[in-house]
């Protein structure tokens, strides 16, 4: 995950950065989601959110 708070203006952007660095497709497979759906969850789209459960699963699978 992020090591400095000033790199990203929000936690969501920090998580998205980490997932894109890990590989969106890899993360989507780990989370059993379509890459397009995961991308929307990580975006600023207010209709879909990246859940805490997804964050916990991502951290466990990626070791990040």
Protein backbone atom coordinates (compact mmCIF):
# COMPACT_ATOMS: atom_id res chain seq x y z
CA UNK A 1 0.00 0.00 0.00
CA UNK A 2 0.98 3.63 0.09
CA UNK A 3 3.82 4.66 2.31
CA UNK A 4 3.21 8.41 2.27
CA UNK A 5 -0.09 10.20 2.71
CA UNK A 6 0.92 13.06 0.42
CA UNK A 7 1.16 10.79 -2.66
CA UNK A 8 -2.60 10.36 -3.00
CA UNK A 9 -5.37 12.73 -1.96
CA UNK A 10 -7.67 9.92 -0.82
CA UNK A 11 -7.57 6.36 0.46
CA UNK A 12 -9.53 5.25 -2.62
CA UNK A 13 -6.83 6.65 -4.90
CA UNK A 14 -4.14 5.00 -2.81
CA UNK A 15 -5.88 1.62 -3.09
CA UNK A 16 -6.44 2.07 -6.83
CA UNK A 17 -2.78 2.92 -7.34
CA UNK A 18 -1.74 -0.20 -5.47
CA UNK A 19 -4.13 -2.42 -7.42
CA UNK A 20 -3.06 -1.01 -10.79
CA UNK A 21 0.59 -1.54 -9.80
CA UNK A 22 -0.23 -5.16 -8.82
CA UNK A 23 -2.15 -5.57 -12.07
CA UNK A 24 -5.84 -4.88 -12.48
CA UNK A 25 -6.46 -8.27 -14.11
CA UNK A 26 -4.53 -10.10 -11.39
CA UNK A 27 -6.47 -8.32 -8.67
CA UNK A 28 -9.77 -8.93 -10.45
CA UNK A 29 -9.03 -12.65 -10.65
CA UNK A 30 -8.06 -12.73 -6.96
CA UNK A 31 -11.27 -10.90 -6.03
CA UNK A 32 -13.48 -12.92 -8.44
CA UNK A 33 -14.56 -9.77 -10.28
CA UNK A 34 -14.50 -8.71 -13.90
CA UNK A 35 -11.63 -6.27 -14.54
CA UNK A 36 -14.08 -3.69 -15.91
CA UNK A 37 -16.24 -3.89 -12.80
CA UNK A 38 -13.21 -3.58 -10.53
CA UNK A 39 -12.03 -0.57 -12.50
CA UNK A 40 -15.40 1.14 -12.02
CA UNK A 41 -15.35 0.33 -8.28
CA UNK A 42 -11.95 2.02 -8.02
CA UNK A 43 -13.07 5.08 -9.96
CA UNK A 44 -14.86 8.12 -8.58
CA UNK A 45 -18.19 6.72 -9.86
CA UNK A 46 -20.60 7.19 -6.92
CA UNK A 47 -22.80 4.29 -8.02
CA UNK A 48 -20.20 1.59 -7.25
CA UNK A 49 -17.82 1.35 -4.34
CA UNK A 50 -14.82 -0.81 -3.49
CA UNK A 51 -15.89 -2.51 -0.25
CA UNK A 52 -13.90 -3.08 2.91
CA UNK A 53 -14.37 -6.83 2.34
CA UNK A 54 -12.75 -6.44 -1.08
CA UNK A 55 -9.91 -4.44 0.43
CA UNK A 56 -9.27 -7.12 3.05
CA UNK A 57 -9.32 -9.85 0.38
CA UNK A 58 -6.95 -7.85 -1.84
CA UNK A 59 -4.49 -7.31 1.01
CA UNK A 60 -4.60 -11.00 1.93
CA UNK A 61 -4.12 -12.23 -1.65
CA UNK A 62 -1.52 -9.66 -2.74
CA UNK A 63 0.42 -9.43 0.50
CA UNK A 64 0.39 -5.66 0.02
